Amino acid sequence: MLTYPKIDPVIFQIGPLQVRWYGLMYVISFVVSLFLCRYQLKERGLLEKYPLLENLLFYSFIGLIVGARIGFCFFYYPDYFLAHPWEIPAIWKGGMSFHGGLIGAITVGYFYLRKKRESFFFWADLVVVTAPLGLFFGRIGNFINGEIYGKPTTLPWAMVFPGGGPLPRHPVQLYESLFTGLMLFLILWFLRKKSWRAGSKVALFFILYGILRFFFEFLREPAQSFSLLWGWMTMGQVLSAIMFLSGCLLLVYIRRKKSF
């Protein structure tokens, strides 16, 4: 069994203002994504589009934060937040949903690009290549917070988490950080120059992340108020299955659109 490294989630505090590792991970993800997307524009000889990229990522980042919070509230604890709606904006208390954040970022990005009369799928393919790094840093933040831990296990790398009782558990945050984060990024980064039809890289991300997240949910300790669906399927698995199917349907749409 490994010892869980107790890292203070708060980096520093000035009066009531706290700067947390988890929040810093969001900032790092934004900066890294901006840098790597700029690099891709440079590769394609499109650096004149960089101001548009900055705005796109900024607005999408806001959509991500809002969507992640709303998704957490209504995907996982709808009864509680419908009864306590004033707590929905309380991001500082924790609780963000990846799937909600994805919906928020896509929605804001789509309307921004539509307003600018730019190709949504061109820019979505560019940005999605960097998206797994946000997952990488985000899960590290979850690990530091000691949240989203796994089910009990006897594996030698199990850890006892502060909020998880006395039993050693899967450090599932680290599993996801490595596989849905770093590994998925390396795959997409390697494929970034492939001249596929616009939207194909988005579809690939949906499919691969949906599969990986679906199976990692089996190792997570379910936290949602209604626990499990159909006796075994978590809300995370439902959302990941929808994401997987969306990726498959997007591939079909791209191929059919090209053939017309």
C-alpha atoms as a PDB file:
ATOM      1  CA  MET A   1       0.000   0.000   0.000  1.00  0.00           C
ATOM      2  CA  LEU A   2       1.241   3.494  -0.848  1.00  0.00           C
ATOM      3  CA  THR A   3       0.925   6.452   1.490  1.00  0.00           C
ATOM      4  CA  TYR A   4      -1.402   9.160   0.259  1.00  0.00           C
ATOM      5  CA  PRO A   5       0.604  12.407   0.042  1.00  0.00           C
ATOM      6  CA  LYS A   6      -1.346  14.901   2.113  1.00  0.00           C
ATOM      7  CA  ILE A   7      -0.967  18.128   0.142  1.00  0.00           C
ATOM      8  CA  ASP A   8      -2.810  21.200   1.355  1.00  0.00           C
ATOM      9  CA  PRO A   9      -5.425  21.950  -1.350  1.00  0.00           C
ATOM     10  CA  VAL A  10      -4.925  25.670  -0.615  1.00  0.00           C
ATOM     11  CA  ILE A  11      -1.680  27.069  -2.034  1.00  0.00           C
ATOM     12  CA  PHE A  12      -2.008  30.325  -0.101  1.00  0.00           C
ATOM     13  CA  GLN A  13      -4.706  32.466   1.427  1.00  0.00           C
ATOM     14  CA  ILE A  14      -5.072  36.230   1.776  1.00  0.00           C
ATOM     15  CA  GLY A  15      -7.974  36.994   4.097  1.00  0.00           C
ATOM     16  CA  PRO A  16     -11.042  35.184   2.710  1.00  0.00           C
ATOM     17  CA  LEU A  17      -9.380  34.748  -0.697  1.00  0.00           C
ATOM     18  CA  GLN A  18      -7.974  31.252  -1.295  1.00  0.00           C
ATOM     19  CA  VAL A  19      -5.820  30.138  -4.197  1.00  0.00           C
ATOM     20  CA  ARG A  20      -6.246  26.388  -4.610  1.00  0.00           C
ATOM     21  CA  TRP A  21      -4.320  23.791  -6.566  1.00  0.00           C
ATOM     22  CA  TYR A  22      -7.504  22.679  -8.295  1.00  0.00           C
ATOM     23  CA  GLY A  23      -8.197  26.171  -9.609  1.00  0.00           C
ATOM     24  CA  LEU A  24      -4.571  26.534 -10.678  1.00  0.00           C
ATOM     25  CA  MET A  25      -4.921  23.352 -12.747  1.00  0.00           C
ATOM     26  CA  TYR A  26      -7.680  25.029 -14.776  1.00  0.00           C
ATOM     27  CA  VAL A  27      -5.436  28.023 -15.439  1.00  0.00           C
ATOM     28  CA  ILE A  28      -2.516  25.791 -16.444  1.00  0.00           C
ATOM     29  CA  SER A  29      -4.798  23.832 -18.779  1.00  0.00           C
ATOM     30  CA  PHE A  30      -5.942  27.045 -20.472  1.00  0.00           C
ATOM     31  CA  VAL A  31      -2.382  28.341 -20.962  1.00  0.00           C
ATOM     32  CA  VAL A  32      -1.078  24.996 -22.278  1.00  0.00           C
ATOM     33  CA  SER A  33      -4.022  24.659 -24.673  1.00  0.00           C
ATOM     34  CA  LEU A  34      -3.471  28.197 -25.957  1.00  0.00           C
ATOM     35  CA  PHE A  35       0.233  27.504 -26.556  1.00  0.00           C
ATOM     36  CA  LEU A  36      -0.342  24.187 -28.356  1.00  0.00           C
ATOM     37  CA  CYS A  37      -3.179  25.559 -30.490  1.00  0.00           C
ATOM     38  CA  ARG A  38      -0.953  28.480 -31.493  1.00  0.00           C
ATOM     39  CA  TYR A  39       1.729  25.964 -32.422  1.00  0.00           C
ATOM     40  CA  GLN A  40      -0.746  24.161 -34.671  1.00  0.00           C
ATOM     41  CA  LEU A  41      -1.724  27.428 -36.366  1.00  0.00           C
ATOM     42  CA  LYS A  42       1.963  28.112 -36.985  1.00  0.00           C
ATOM     43  CA  GLU A  43       2.367  24.647 -38.521  1.00  0.00           C
ATOM     44  CA  ARG A  44      -0.491  25.425 -40.907  1.00  0.00           C
ATOM     45  CA  GLY A  45       0.721  28.929 -41.749  1.00  0.00           C
ATOM     46  CA  LEU A  46      -2.315  30.510 -40.110  1.00  0.00           C
ATOM     47  CA  LEU A  47      -0.772  32.629 -37.348  1.00  0.00           C
ATOM     48  CA  GLU A  48      -2.877  35.597 -38.483  1.00  0.00           C
ATOM     49  CA  LYS A  49      -5.812  33.691 -36.903  1.00  0.00           C
ATOM     50  CA  TYR A  50      -4.199  33.797 -33.449  1.00  0.00           C
ATOM     51  CA  PRO A  51      -6.368  36.690 -32.092  1.00  0.00           C
ATOM     52  CA  LEU A  52      -9.472  34.671 -32.990  1.00  0.00           C
ATOM     53  CA  LEU A  53      -7.984  31.659 -31.214  1.00  0.00           C
ATOM     54  CA  GLU A  54      -7.394  33.681 -28.049  1.00  0.00           C
ATOM     55  CA  ASN A  55     -10.998  34.861 -27.981  1.00  0.00           C
ATOM     56  CA  LEU A  56     -12.358  31.418 -28.820  1.00  0.00           C
ATOM     57  CA  LEU A  57     -10.468  29.760 -25.969  1.00  0.00           C
ATOM     58  CA  PHE A  58     -11.347  32.528 -23.529  1.00  0.00           C
ATOM     59  CA  TYR A  59     -15.081  32.363 -24.187  1.00  0.00           C
ATOM     60  CA  SER A  60     -15.053  28.558 -24.360  1.00  0.00           C
ATOM     61  CA  PHE A  61     -13.205  28.464 -21.033  1.00  0.00           C
ATOM     62  CA  ILE A  62     -15.984  30.504 -19.434  1.00  0.00           C
ATOM     63  CA  GLY A  63     -18.539  28.153 -20.983  1.00  0.00           C
ATOM     64  CA  LEU A  64     -16.578  25.214 -19.629  1.00  0.00           C
ATOM     65  CA  ILE A  65     -16.593  26.552 -16.053  1.00  0.00           C
ATOM     66  CA  VAL A  66     -20.310  27.387 -16.123  1.00  0.00           C
ATOM     67  CA  GLY A  67     -21.232  24.122 -17.831  1.00  0.00           C
ATOM     68  CA  ALA A  68     -19.081  22.046 -15.479  1.00  0.00           C
ATOM     69  CA  ARG A  69     -20.798  23.512 -12.435  1.00  0.00           C
ATOM     70  CA  ILE A  70     -24.328  23.265 -13.813  1.00  0.00           C
ATOM     71  CA  GLY A  71     -23.622  19.731 -15.015  1.00  0.00           C
ATOM     72  CA  PHE A  72     -22.417  18.682 -11.572  1.00  0.00           C
ATOM     73  CA  CYS A  73     -25.493  20.158  -9.924  1.00  0.00           C
ATOM     74  CA  PHE A  74     -28.109  18.659 -12.238  1.00  0.00           C
ATOM     75  CA  PHE A  75     -26.469  15.491 -13.546  1.00  0.00           C
ATOM     76  CA  TYR A  76     -25.514  14.227 -10.101  1.00  0.00           C
ATOM     77  CA  TYR A  77     -27.504  16.031  -7.374  1.00  0.00           C
ATOM     78  CA  PRO A  78     -30.632  17.521  -8.996  1.00  0.00           C
ATOM     79  CA  ASP A  79     -32.876  17.091  -5.971  1.00  0.00           C
ATOM     80  CA  TYR A  80     -30.485  18.901  -3.650  1.00  0.00           C
ATOM     81  CA  PHE A  81     -29.743  21.848  -5.918  1.00  0.00           C
ATOM     82  CA  LEU A  82     -33.361  22.312  -6.960  1.00  0.00           C
ATOM     83  CA  ALA A  83     -34.089  22.674  -3.243  1.00  0.00           C
ATOM     84  CA  HIS A  84     -31.014  24.900  -2.666  1.00  0.00           C
ATOM     85  CA  PRO A  85     -30.626  26.887  -5.921  1.00  0.00           C
ATOM     86  CA  TRP A  86     -28.554  29.626  -4.219  1.00  0.00           C
ATOM     87  CA  GLU A  87     -25.734  27.098  -3.877  1.00  0.00           C
ATOM     88  CA  ILE A  88     -25.439  26.476  -7.630  1.00  0.00           C
ATOM     89  CA  PRO A  89     -22.925  29.327  -8.188  1.00  0.00           C
ATOM     90  CA  ALA A  90     -20.782  28.206  -5.195  1.00  0.00           C
ATOM     91  CA  ILE A  91     -17.926  26.829  -7.284  1.00  0.00           C
ATOM     92  CA  TRP A  92     -15.502  27.371  -4.375  1.00  0.00           C
ATOM     93  CA  LYS A  93     -17.253  24.567  -2.486  1.00  0.00           C
ATOM     94  CA  GLY A  94     -16.193  22.094  -5.169  1.00  0.00           C
ATOM     95  CA  GLY A  95     -18.150  20.009  -7.636  1.00  0.00           C
ATOM     96  CA  MET A  96     -17.495  20.151 -11.386  1.00  0.00           C
ATOM     97  CA  SER A  97     -18.612  17.793 -14.152  1.00  0.00           C
ATOM     98  CA  PHE A  98     -16.418  17.052 -17.172  1.00  0.00           C
ATOM     99  CA  HIS A  99     -19.403  16.250 -19.380  1.00  0.00           C
ATOM    100  CA  GLY A 100     -21.168  19.455 -18.345  1.00  0.00           C
ATOM    101  CA  GLY A 101     -17.997  21.437 -19.006  1.00  0.00           C
ATOM    102  CA  LEU A 102     -17.684  19.869 -22.451  1.00  0.00           C
ATOM    103  CA  ILE A 103     -21.263  20.818 -23.326  1.00  0.00           C
ATOM    104  CA  GLY A 104     -20.695  24.370 -22.090  1.00  0.00           C
ATOM    105  CA  ALA A 105     -17.437  24.829 -24.013  1.00  0.00           C
ATOM    106  CA  ILE A 106     -18.882  23.410 -27.236  1.00  0.00           C
ATOM    107  CA  THR A 107     -22.038  25.536 -27.004  1.00  0.00           C
ATOM    108  CA  VAL A 108     -20.188  28.820 -26.423  1.00  0.00           C
ATOM    109  CA  GLY A 109     -17.527  27.967 -29.004  1.00  0.00           C
ATOM    110  CA  TYR A 110     -20.148  27.090 -31.620  1.00  0.00           C
ATOM    111  CA  PHE A 111     -22.036  30.380 -31.301  1.00  0.00           C
ATOM    112  CA  TYR A 112     -18.824  32.422 -31.209  1.00  0.00           C
ATOM    113  CA  LEU A 113     -17.505  30.788 -34.402  1.00  0.00           C
ATOM    114  CA  ARG A 114     -20.901  31.093 -36.060  1.00  0.00           C
ATOM    115  CA  LYS A 115     -20.875  34.806 -35.340  1.00  0.00           C
ATOM    116  CA  LYS A 116     -17.392  35.067 -36.867  1.00  0.00           C
ATOM    117  CA  ARG A 117     -18.478  32.910 -39.842  1.00  0.00           C
ATOM    118  CA  GLU A 118     -15.698  30.426 -39.159  1.00  0.00           C
ATOM    119  CA  SER A 119     -15.771  26.647 -39.587  1.00  0.00           C
ATOM    120  CA  PHE A 120     -16.778  25.105 -36.278  1.00  0.00           C
ATOM    121  CA  PHE A 121     -15.277  21.700 -37.024  1.00  0.00           C
ATOM    122  CA  PHE A 122     -11.950  23.152 -38.203  1.00  0.00           C
ATOM    123  CA  TRP A 123     -11.462  24.939 -34.900  1.00  0.00           C
ATOM    124  CA  ALA A 124     -12.967  22.109 -32.851  1.00  0.00           C
ATOM    125  CA  ASP A 125     -10.429  19.670 -34.336  1.00  0.00           C
ATOM    126  CA  LEU A 126      -7.632  22.106 -33.530  1.00  0.00           C
ATOM    127  CA  VAL A 127      -8.668  22.571 -29.906  1.00  0.00           C
ATOM    128  CA  VAL A 128      -9.753  18.999 -29.112  1.00  0.00           C
ATOM    129  CA  VAL A 129      -6.201  17.749 -29.689  1.00  0.00           C
ATOM    130  CA  THR A 130      -5.191  19.663 -26.546  1.00  0.00           C
ATOM    131  CA  ALA A 131      -8.307  18.862 -24.488  1.00  0.00           C
ATOM    132  CA  PRO A 132      -6.913  15.704 -22.818  1.00  0.00           C
ATOM    133  CA  LEU A 133      -4.216  17.782 -21.123  1.00  0.00           C
ATOM    134  CA  GLY A 134      -7.010  19.594 -19.285  1.00  0.00           C
ATOM    135  CA  LEU A 135      -8.135  16.181 -18.065  1.00  0.00           C
ATOM    136  CA  PHE A 136      -4.571  15.342 -17.066  1.00  0.00           C
ATOM    137  CA  PHE A 137      -4.176  18.447 -14.908  1.00  0.00           C
ATOM    138  CA  GLY A 138      -7.763  18.316 -13.656  1.00  0.00           C
ATOM    139  CA  ARG A 139      -7.435  14.785 -12.292  1.00  0.00           C
ATOM    140  CA  ILE A 140      -4.193  15.752 -10.575  1.00  0.00           C
ATOM    141  CA  GLY A 141      -6.222  18.498  -8.901  1.00  0.00           C
ATOM    142  CA  ASN A 142      -8.842  15.932  -7.854  1.00  0.00           C
ATOM    143  CA  PHE A 143      -6.073  13.769  -6.388  1.00  0.00           C
ATOM    144  CA  ILE A 144      -4.689  16.676  -4.355  1.00  0.00           C
ATOM    145  CA  ASN A 145      -8.211  17.392  -3.086  1.00  0.00           C
ATOM    146  CA  GLY A 146      -8.599  13.727  -2.108  1.00  0.00           C
ATOM    147  CA  GLU A 147     -11.847  13.460  -4.076  1.00  0.00           C
ATOM    148  CA  ILE A 148     -13.212  11.078  -6.737  1.00  0.00           C
ATOM    149  CA  TYR A 149     -11.286   8.215  -5.170  1.00  0.00           C
ATOM    150  CA  GLY A 150     -11.819   4.600  -6.181  1.00  0.00           C
ATOM    151  CA  LYS A 151     -13.331   1.533  -4.625  1.00  0.00           C
ATOM    152  CA  PRO A 152     -11.481  -0.540  -1.992  1.00  0.00           C
ATOM    153  CA  THR A 153      -8.705  -2.768  -3.337  1.00  0.00           C
ATOM    154  CA  THR A 154      -5.770  -4.873  -2.128  1.00  0.00           C
ATOM    155  CA  LEU A 155      -3.457  -3.833  -4.966  1.00  0.00           C
ATOM    156  CA  PRO A 156       0.011  -2.706  -3.779  1.00  0.00           C
ATOM    157  CA  TRP A 157      -0.473   0.870  -5.027  1.00  0.00           C
ATOM    158  CA  ALA A 158      -3.769   1.377  -3.177  1.00  0.00           C
ATOM    159  CA  MET A 159      -4.072   4.413  -0.891  1.00  0.00           C
ATOM    160  CA  VAL A 160      -6.110   5.400   2.139  1.00  0.00           C
ATOM    161  CA  PHE A 161      -7.795   8.690   1.256  1.00  0.00           C
ATOM    162  CA  PRO A 162      -8.709  11.143   4.063  1.00  0.00           C
ATOM    163  CA  GLY A 163     -12.417  11.111   3.184  1.00  0.00           C
ATOM    164  CA  GLY A 164     -12.605   7.483   2.138  1.00  0.00           C
ATOM    165  CA  GLY A 165     -12.554   5.693   5.478  1.00  0.00           C
ATOM    166  CA  PRO A 166      -9.881   3.250   6.687  1.00  0.00           C
ATOM    167  CA  LEU A 167      -9.804   0.994   3.606  1.00  0.00           C
ATOM    168  CA  PRO A 168      -7.118   1.311   0.890  1.00  0.00           C
ATOM    169  CA  ARG A 169      -8.632   2.394  -2.404  1.00  0.00           C
ATOM    170  CA  HIS A 170      -7.809   2.704  -6.101  1.00  0.00           C
ATOM    171  CA  PRO A 171      -6.145   6.080  -6.855  1.00  0.00           C
ATOM    172  CA  VAL A 172      -8.484   6.270  -9.818  1.00  0.00           C
ATOM    173  CA  GLN A 173      -7.743   9.979 -10.307  1.00  0.00           C
ATOM    174  CA  LEU A 174      -4.190   9.016 -11.286  1.00  0.00           C
ATOM    175  CA  TYR A 175      -5.419   6.249 -13.585  1.00  0.00           C
ATOM    176  CA  GLU A 176      -7.638   8.726 -15.424  1.00  0.00           C
ATOM    177  CA  SER A 177      -4.922  11.371 -15.456  1.00  0.00           C
ATOM    178  CA  LEU A 178      -2.575   8.967 -17.242  1.00  0.00           C
ATOM    179  CA  PHE A 179      -5.011   7.297 -19.641  1.00  0.00           C
ATOM    180  CA  THR A 180      -7.796   9.795 -20.432  1.00  0.00           C
ATOM    181  CA  GLY A 181      -5.295  12.612 -20.051  1.00  0.00           C
ATOM    182  CA  LEU A 182      -1.704  11.970 -21.060  1.00  0.00           C
ATOM    183  CA  MET A 183      -2.188   8.884 -23.238  1.00  0.00           C
ATOM    184  CA  LEU A 184      -5.182  10.313 -25.110  1.00  0.00           C
ATOM    185  CA  PHE A 185      -3.284  13.568 -25.676  1.00  0.00           C
ATOM    186  CA  LEU A 186      -0.296  11.714 -27.156  1.00  0.00           C
ATOM    187  CA  ILE A 187      -2.595   9.809 -29.534  1.00  0.00           C
ATOM    188  CA  LEU A 188      -4.384  12.942 -30.742  1.00  0.00           C
ATOM    189  CA  TRP A 189      -1.175  14.981 -30.940  1.00  0.00           C
ATOM    190  CA  PHE A 190       0.413  12.296 -33.109  1.00  0.00           C
ATOM    191  CA  LEU A 191      -2.634  12.402 -35.408  1.00  0.00           C
ATOM    192  CA  ARG A 192      -2.965  16.197 -35.514  1.00  0.00           C
ATOM    193  CA  LYS A 193      -1.504  16.535 -39.062  1.00  0.00           C
ATOM    194  CA  LYS A 194      -3.765  13.888 -40.570  1.00  0.00           C
ATOM    195  CA  SER A 195      -5.814  15.455 -43.346  1.00  0.00           C
ATOM    196  CA  TRP A 196      -9.055  13.868 -42.236  1.00  0.00           C
ATOM    197  CA  ARG A 197     -12.460  15.373 -42.840  1.00  0.00           C
ATOM    198  CA  ALA A 198     -13.227  18.248 -40.501  1.00  0.00           C
ATOM    199  CA  GLY A 199     -14.761  16.995 -37.260  1.00  0.00           C
ATOM    200  CA  SER A 200     -13.098  13.570 -37.389  1.00  0.00           C
ATOM    201  CA  LYS A 201     -10.686  14.324 -34.532  1.00  0.00           C
ATOM    202  CA  VAL A 202     -13.571  15.544 -32.386  1.00  0.00           C
ATOM    203  CA  ALA A 203     -15.430  12.300 -33.095  1.00  0.00           C
ATOM    204  CA  LEU A 204     -12.324  10.258 -32.255  1.00  0.00           C
ATOM    205  CA  PHE A 205     -11.929  12.086 -28.944  1.00  0.00           C
ATOM    206  CA  PHE A 206     -15.588  11.477 -28.065  1.00  0.00           C
ATOM    207  CA  ILE A 207     -15.281   7.781 -28.864  1.00  0.00           C
ATOM    208  CA  LEU A 208     -11.987   7.117 -27.071  1.00  0.00           C
ATOM    209  CA  TYR A 209     -12.792   9.184 -23.984  1.00  0.00           C
ATOM    210  CA  GLY A 210     -16.278   7.679 -23.780  1.00  0.00           C
ATOM    211  CA  ILE A 211     -14.829   4.158 -23.767  1.00  0.00           C
ATOM    212  CA  LEU A 212     -12.055   4.903 -21.258  1.00  0.00           C
ATOM    213  CA  ARG A 213     -14.258   6.841 -18.847  1.00  0.00           C
ATOM    214  CA  PHE A 214     -16.982   4.186 -19.021  1.00  0.00           C
ATOM    215  CA  PHE A 215     -14.585   1.489 -17.801  1.00  0.00           C
ATOM    216  CA  PHE A 216     -12.843   3.655 -15.175  1.00  0.00           C
ATOM    217  CA  GLU A 217     -16.273   4.291 -13.649  1.00  0.00           C
ATOM    218  CA  PHE A 218     -16.259   0.638 -12.547  1.00  0.00           C
ATOM    219  CA  LEU A 219     -13.320   1.500 -10.267  1.00  0.00           C
ATOM    220  CA  ARG A 220     -14.792   4.723  -8.883  1.00  0.00           C
ATOM    221  CA  GLU A 221     -16.715   4.968  -5.644  1.00  0.00           C
ATOM    222  CA  PRO A 222     -20.123   6.206  -6.875  1.00  0.00           C
ATOM    223  CA  ALA A 223     -20.928   9.549  -5.273  1.00  0.00           C
ATOM    224  CA  GLN A 224     -24.196  10.650  -6.832  1.00  0.00           C
ATOM    225  CA  SER A 225     -27.275  10.894  -4.658  1.00  0.00           C
ATOM    226  CA  PHE A 226     -29.211   8.215  -6.564  1.00  0.00           C
ATOM    227  CA  SER A 227     -26.087   6.009  -6.687  1.00  0.00           C
ATOM    228  CA  LEU A 228     -26.614   3.589  -9.575  1.00  0.00           C
ATOM    229  CA  LEU A 229     -28.886   3.218 -12.587  1.00  0.00           C
ATOM    230  CA  TRP A 230     -30.300  -0.194 -13.479  1.00  0.00           C
ATOM    231  CA  GLY A 231     -28.393  -1.653 -10.553  1.00  0.00           C
ATOM    232  CA  TRP A 232     -24.895  -1.125 -11.958  1.00  0.00           C
ATOM    233  CA  MET A 233     -24.609   1.835 -14.339  1.00  0.00           C
ATOM    234  CA  THR A 234     -23.433   5.164 -12.895  1.00  0.00           C
ATOM    235  CA  MET A 235     -24.405   8.577 -14.231  1.00  0.00           C
ATOM    236  CA  GLY A 236     -20.804   8.952 -15.413  1.00  0.00           C
ATOM    237  CA  GLN A 237     -21.265   5.806 -17.509  1.00  0.00           C
ATOM    238  CA  VAL A 238     -24.569   7.025 -18.921  1.00  0.00           C
ATOM    239  CA  LEU A 239     -22.975  10.316 -19.982  1.00  0.00           C
ATOM    240  CA  SER A 240     -19.902   8.534 -21.356  1.00  0.00           C
ATOM    241  CA  ALA A 241     -22.088   6.140 -23.362  1.00  0.00           C
ATOM    242  CA  ILE A 242     -23.945   9.142 -24.827  1.00  0.00           C
ATOM    243  CA  MET A 243     -20.569  10.723 -25.634  1.00  0.00           C
ATOM    244  CA  PHE A 244     -19.404   7.530 -27.365  1.00  0.00           C
ATOM    245  CA  LEU A 245     -22.596   7.296 -29.423  1.00  0.00           C
ATOM    246  CA  SER A 246     -22.331  10.998 -30.296  1.00  0.00           C
ATOM    247  CA  GLY A 247     -18.827  10.384 -31.652  1.00  0.00           C
ATOM    248  CA  CYS A 248     -20.055   7.464 -33.774  1.00  0.00           C
ATOM    249  CA  LEU A 249     -22.999   9.483 -35.122  1.00  0.00           C
ATOM    250  CA  LEU A 250     -20.682  12.403 -35.873  1.00  0.00           C
ATOM    251  CA  LEU A 251     -18.461  10.130 -37.980  1.00  0.00           C
ATOM    252  CA  VAL A 252     -21.512   8.916 -39.911  1.00  0.00           C
ATOM    253  CA  TYR A 253     -22.665  12.520 -40.414  1.00  0.00           C
ATOM    254  CA  ILE A 254     -19.231  13.600 -41.668  1.00  0.00           C
ATOM    255  CA  ARG A 255     -19.050  10.744 -44.172  1.00  0.00           C
ATOM    256  CA  ARG A 256     -22.606  11.260 -45.451  1.00  0.00           C
ATOM    257  CA  LYS A 257     -22.175  15.021 -45.719  1.00  0.00           C
ATOM    258  CA  LYS A 258     -19.060  14.544 -47.845  1.00  0.00           C
ATOM    259  CA  SER A 259     -20.832  12.149 -50.189  1.00  0.00           C
ATOM    260  CA  PHE A 260     -23.730  14.504 -50.998  1.00  0.00           C
END
